[in-house]
């Protein structure tokens, strides 16, 4: 315990069948309302040996995420899920394509505009211990984004940090502690509070519960669901755990070798997957084996 309270990315050319069925998810956002996230034809490559580009980590991905929606992004390790998430928040520079946050183009933005856009998009990382500065107190971890963006006075920043920590289930005396003094679940609560500090509209959650005990996972998932309802947050929820995604997300996107091969309502994808890879992924889940 933590001691606290159907377009998608194209199925593409190459190894994918030309007639592969891919559920449509791109058109679900109302045309008169900017999508929380719109990704088009995104490609991310990293240098290989001798400077040559390696196989794309993300290849021809297109996705829409409506305001207030939670979309799960699933696939086996190494399929490009985390790279896509990092590209969305600006930690990785794409080779090609576009990323829009609330209708604003992330990749063509000026440095000043980019800083403003980053207020609207935050990320919760897999390892809460590694994502928090060990030299900062819990309170300082949460107020730092506010300081960087010049939000409020010192007193106002402190008040907001304490309020967020309380909302995320941290005990009242936690603000003066340091990350190493907290349990894994408590550290993730602090990371969530930090992600909320700038009042983003979109949060990329990169395996936020995979490093936690099962009982603590449920607490963190419930907290994320409550915060989504309260604040109208959109989540891009990256996970290899289909049960977790089914619990939290209304739609699901399946990645394989850098490409999104299927997108659709979670219930539909789980009940009748259109792509053979999705079926194999579901068959590998112990509770579904032989279903």
Foldseek 3Di string as FASTA:
>chain_A
DFPFDAPWQPLDDDPGDPPFDAGHAAPPEPPVWFFQKWWFQWWAWDQDPPRHTDQTLAGRTTHTHHFLFEEEEAEDPSLNLVVVVCVQLPNGPTPDTFMDGRRHTLNPDDPVVNLVSNLQEEEQEQQLLVVADQVAALLCSQLVNCVVVVHDDPVVSSVLLQVQLVLLGHDNVRRRHGPVVGDRLSSSSSSVSSRPSSPHREYEYANNPVVDDPVSSVSNLVSVQVCSVVRRHYYHYYDNDLVSCLVRGQKYWYGGNNTTSYIDGSVCCLVPNRDVVSVVSNCPPVVRPPD
